[in-house]
């Protein structure tokens, strides 16, 4: 069985430096370093950790290819509609998602590595298409709605934060005094994990550390998967 040894210490250093030298000349000179110390270990992490996640959520998907459809998000920023024209992202982003369709629209586990820390989260960033309607139907249902409330209560009791954009009011079509009105306001819902320090990110403990958080997130992921069916 393959064991992931952790990311090289230079992975954190690379993102610290690219934030200070966010230009094509610097990146091209450091591209071999990026490929060796960020992309290659990230591909290994995707596969090894992805296999572990399948024990928690049925139908987990991952792809080690370095393309738009892969688990590893591209380092190149889309600057077409942004005032910020710096060409490179200053963090590594990885997603393992459930089911077919666009990965950013599906319930997912997410890992991010930055200059001085990393983090691991899970959920759905935005309820796209008919997922928003299906989410609201599941929240409105007494059984599935109360189950979600219990899941979120358990997560906050463990110290996690519940995140996601929200409407200011209970959506039209639902009683403004709905017992789960606060949950109906969500446009997306995901769990933020505690920050992961570099001493863990760069060690063989990283997979197990993230897996323990993934086990906590799994009830929410599975709830969302069932709601979106």
Protein backbone atom coordinates (compact mmCIF):
# COMPACT_ATOMS: atom_id res chain seq x y z
CA UNK A 1 0.00 0.00 0.00
CA UNK A 2 1.31 3.42 -0.97
CA UNK A 3 1.97 5.86 1.87
CA UNK A 4 1.89 9.58 1.27
CA UNK A 5 4.94 11.10 3.00
CA UNK A 6 3.54 14.61 3.14
CA UNK A 7 4.22 17.62 0.96
CA UNK A 8 7.80 18.88 0.68
CA UNK A 9 8.52 21.91 2.86
CA UNK A 10 9.23 23.79 -0.34
CA UNK A 11 5.53 23.61 -1.28
CA UNK A 12 4.72 26.18 1.41
CA UNK A 13 7.79 28.19 0.50
CA UNK A 14 6.82 28.21 -3.18
CA UNK A 15 3.43 29.77 -2.46
CA UNK A 16 5.01 32.31 -0.12
CA UNK A 17 7.37 33.33 -2.89
CA UNK A 18 4.86 33.33 -5.74
CA UNK A 19 2.79 35.81 -3.71
CA UNK A 20 5.81 38.10 -3.67
CA UNK A 21 6.81 37.44 -7.31
CA UNK A 22 3.52 37.03 -9.12
CA UNK A 23 4.76 37.40 -12.67
CA UNK A 24 5.48 35.19 -15.66
CA UNK A 25 9.27 35.62 -15.64
CA UNK A 26 9.59 34.38 -12.05
CA UNK A 27 7.09 31.55 -12.52
CA UNK A 28 8.70 30.20 -15.67
CA UNK A 29 12.08 30.15 -13.91
CA UNK A 30 10.52 28.24 -10.98
CA UNK A 31 8.16 26.01 -12.95
CA UNK A 32 10.31 22.84 -12.63
CA UNK A 33 10.33 23.39 -8.87
CA UNK A 34 6.52 23.82 -8.88
CA UNK A 35 6.08 20.61 -10.88
CA UNK A 36 8.39 18.62 -8.59
CA UNK A 37 7.41 19.91 -5.16
CA UNK A 38 3.74 20.83 -5.66
CA UNK A 39 2.11 19.11 -8.63
CA UNK A 40 3.74 15.69 -8.36
CA UNK A 41 3.11 15.20 -4.61
CA UNK A 42 -0.40 16.64 -5.06
CA UNK A 43 -1.19 13.94 -7.62
CA UNK A 44 0.00 11.28 -5.18
CA UNK A 45 -2.08 12.80 -2.37
CA UNK A 46 -5.19 12.93 -4.59
CA UNK A 47 -5.02 9.22 -5.32
CA UNK A 48 -4.06 7.89 -1.89
CA UNK A 49 -6.49 10.07 0.04
CA UNK A 50 -9.21 9.64 -2.58
CA UNK A 51 -9.17 5.88 -2.01
CA UNK A 52 -9.68 6.49 1.72
CA UNK A 53 -12.61 8.83 1.10
CA UNK A 54 -14.50 6.14 -0.80
CA UNK A 55 -14.98 4.33 2.51
CA UNK A 56 -16.99 7.34 3.75
CA UNK A 57 -19.03 8.43 0.72
CA UNK A 58 -20.27 6.27 -2.15
CA UNK A 59 -19.37 7.43 -5.63
CA UNK A 60 -16.46 9.70 -4.72
CA UNK A 61 -14.64 10.95 -7.82
CA UNK A 62 -11.09 12.14 -8.33
CA UNK A 63 -8.79 12.61 -11.28
CA UNK A 64 -5.02 13.07 -11.06
CA UNK A 65 -4.73 14.65 -14.50
CA UNK A 66 -3.52 18.25 -14.49
CA UNK A 67 -6.43 19.55 -16.53
CA UNK A 68 -9.57 21.52 -15.86
CA UNK A 69 -11.44 18.26 -15.17
CA UNK A 70 -8.88 17.00 -12.67
CA UNK A 71 -8.94 17.17 -8.89
CA UNK A 72 -6.06 19.66 -8.80
CA UNK A 73 -7.12 23.16 -9.69
CA UNK A 74 -4.91 25.02 -12.15
CA UNK A 75 -2.48 27.60 -10.79
CA UNK A 76 -3.36 30.03 -13.56
CA UNK A 77 -5.92 32.67 -12.60
CA UNK A 78 -8.76 33.70 -14.90
CA UNK A 79 -8.16 37.45 -15.05
CA UNK A 80 -10.62 38.29 -17.83
CA UNK A 81 -13.22 39.87 -15.57
CA UNK A 82 -11.04 40.75 -12.59
CA UNK A 83 -9.36 44.01 -11.65
CA UNK A 84 -6.57 41.89 -10.15
CA UNK A 85 -4.41 40.91 -13.13
CA UNK A 86 -1.81 38.86 -11.26
CA UNK A 87 -1.54 35.65 -13.30
CA UNK A 88 -1.04 32.98 -10.62
CA UNK A 89 -3.00 31.69 -7.63
CA UNK A 90 -1.21 31.78 -4.31
CA UNK A 91 -2.58 28.48 -3.02
CA UNK A 92 -2.92 24.86 -4.05
CA UNK A 93 -6.54 23.68 -4.28
CA UNK A 94 -7.68 20.05 -4.53
CA UNK A 95 -11.22 18.62 -4.65
CA UNK A 96 -12.69 15.12 -4.40
CA UNK A 97 -16.33 15.22 -5.49
CA UNK A 98 -19.34 12.90 -5.50
CA UNK A 99 -21.19 11.89 -8.65
CA UNK A 100 -21.28 13.01 -12.24
CA UNK A 101 -21.33 16.61 -13.34
CA UNK A 102 -19.19 19.65 -12.75
CA UNK A 103 -17.00 19.06 -9.71
CA UNK A 104 -17.56 22.54 -8.28
CA UNK A 105 -21.34 21.92 -8.22
CA UNK A 106 -21.23 18.59 -6.41
CA UNK A 107 -20.79 17.75 -2.71
CA UNK A 108 -17.03 17.65 -2.25
CA UNK A 109 -14.12 17.38 0.10
CA UNK A 110 -11.59 20.17 -0.37
CA UNK A 111 -7.93 20.62 0.57
CA UNK A 112 -6.02 23.88 0.32
CA UNK A 113 -2.31 24.56 0.88
CA UNK A 114 -1.07 28.12 1.32
CA UNK A 115 2.13 29.90 2.30
CA UNK A 116 1.93 29.24 6.03
CA UNK A 117 -0.86 26.71 6.57
CA UNK A 118 -3.34 24.30 5.00
CA UNK A 119 -6.99 23.49 5.56
CA UNK A 120 -9.55 20.81 4.80
CA UNK A 121 -13.27 21.37 4.27
CA UNK A 122 -16.34 19.68 2.86
CA UNK A 123 -19.79 20.37 1.45
CA UNK A 124 -21.20 22.27 -1.53
CA UNK A 125 -19.92 25.78 -2.16
CA UNK A 126 -22.97 26.83 -4.18
CA UNK A 127 -26.25 25.03 -4.91
CA UNK A 128 -26.26 25.34 -8.70
CA UNK A 129 -29.16 24.65 -11.06
CA UNK A 130 -31.98 22.62 -9.53
CA UNK A 131 -29.84 21.67 -6.50
CA UNK A 132 -31.05 24.78 -4.68
CA UNK A 133 -34.69 23.74 -5.07
CA UNK A 134 -33.90 20.17 -4.01
CA UNK A 135 -31.99 21.44 -0.98
CA UNK A 136 -34.95 23.54 0.11
CA UNK A 137 -37.36 20.65 -0.36
CA UNK A 138 -35.17 18.48 1.88
CA UNK A 139 -34.93 21.21 4.53
CA UNK A 140 -38.68 21.76 4.40
CA UNK A 141 -39.34 18.04 4.97
CA UNK A 142 -39.66 17.47 8.71
CA UNK A 143 -37.57 14.29 8.79
CA UNK A 144 -34.70 15.26 6.47
CA UNK A 145 -34.73 18.86 7.68
CA UNK A 146 -34.37 17.87 11.32
CA UNK A 147 -31.64 15.40 10.37
CA UNK A 148 -29.65 18.23 8.77
CA UNK A 149 -30.09 20.32 11.88
CA UNK A 150 -28.73 17.50 14.02
CA UNK A 151 -25.75 17.01 11.68
CA UNK A 152 -24.85 20.71 11.83
CA UNK A 153 -25.28 20.78 15.61
CA UNK A 154 -22.88 17.86 15.98
CA UNK A 155 -20.33 19.55 13.73
CA UNK A 156 -20.43 22.85 15.59
CA UNK A 157 -20.15 20.98 18.88
CA UNK A 158 -16.87 19.56 17.56
CA UNK A 159 -15.60 23.04 16.80
CA UNK A 160 -16.27 23.26 13.06
CA UNK A 161 -17.85 26.26 11.38
CA UNK A 162 -20.86 26.07 9.04
CA UNK A 163 -20.29 28.35 6.04
CA UNK A 164 -22.09 29.37 2.88
CA UNK A 165 -23.68 32.40 1.24
CA UNK A 166 -27.20 33.15 2.46
CA UNK A 167 -30.25 35.15 1.46
CA UNK A 168 -31.32 37.81 3.94
CA UNK A 169 -34.88 36.46 4.17
CA UNK A 170 -36.62 33.10 4.14
CA UNK A 171 -37.21 32.40 0.42
CA UNK A 172 -40.58 33.03 -1.17
CA UNK A 173 -42.99 30.13 -0.90
CA UNK A 174 -42.03 29.25 2.67
CA UNK A 175 -43.50 30.54 5.92
CA UNK A 176 -41.34 33.36 7.28
CA UNK A 177 -41.62 31.65 10.67
CA UNK A 178 -40.57 28.25 9.30
CA UNK A 179 -38.90 26.21 12.09
CA UNK A 180 -35.84 25.79 9.86
CA UNK A 181 -35.99 29.19 8.24
CA UNK A 182 -32.31 29.86 8.91
CA UNK A 183 -31.36 26.74 6.96
CA UNK A 184 -33.66 27.66 4.06
CA UNK A 185 -31.65 30.86 3.53
CA UNK A 186 -28.48 29.03 2.47
CA UNK A 187 -27.34 29.27 -1.16
CA UNK A 188 -24.56 26.77 -0.48
CA UNK A 189 -23.31 24.96 2.60
CA UNK A 190 -19.88 23.70 3.54
CA UNK A 191 -17.85 22.99 6.64
CA UNK A 192 -14.60 24.78 7.41
CA UNK A 193 -12.01 22.77 9.24
CA UNK A 194 -9.36 23.98 11.59
CA UNK A 195 -6.13 25.25 10.09
CA UNK A 196 -3.52 22.55 9.47
CA UNK A 197 -0.01 23.55 10.47
CA UNK A 198 2.97 22.97 8.15
CA UNK A 199 4.48 20.36 10.47
CA UNK A 200 1.44 18.13 9.68
CA UNK A 201 1.16 19.09 5.99
CA UNK A 202 4.77 18.04 5.45
CA UNK A 203 4.48 14.74 7.33
CA UNK A 204 3.02 11.29 6.77
CA UNK A 205 0.34 12.22 9.33
CA UNK A 206 -1.48 14.43 6.80
CA UNK A 207 -3.69 11.70 5.30
CA UNK A 208 -4.90 10.44 8.67
CA UNK A 209 -5.35 13.98 9.99
CA UNK A 210 -7.58 14.91 7.05
CA UNK A 211 -9.37 11.57 7.17
CA UNK A 212 -10.50 12.17 10.73
CA UNK A 213 -12.03 15.48 9.66
CA UNK A 214 -13.56 13.85 6.57
CA UNK A 215 -15.24 11.27 8.83
CA UNK A 216 -16.83 14.16 10.74
CA UNK A 217 -17.94 15.86 7.49
CA UNK A 218 -19.28 12.68 5.86
CA UNK A 219 -22.82 12.89 7.33
CA UNK A 220 -23.27 16.33 5.73
CA UNK A 221 -21.81 15.19 2.40
CA UNK A 222 -24.06 12.12 2.37
CA UNK A 223 -27.10 14.23 3.33
CA UNK A 224 -26.44 16.56 0.40
CA UNK A 225 -25.88 13.67 -2.01
CA UNK A 226 -29.24 12.16 -1.08
CA UNK A 227 -31.00 15.54 -1.25
CA UNK A 228 -29.69 16.16 -4.78
CA UNK A 229 -30.89 12.82 -6.15
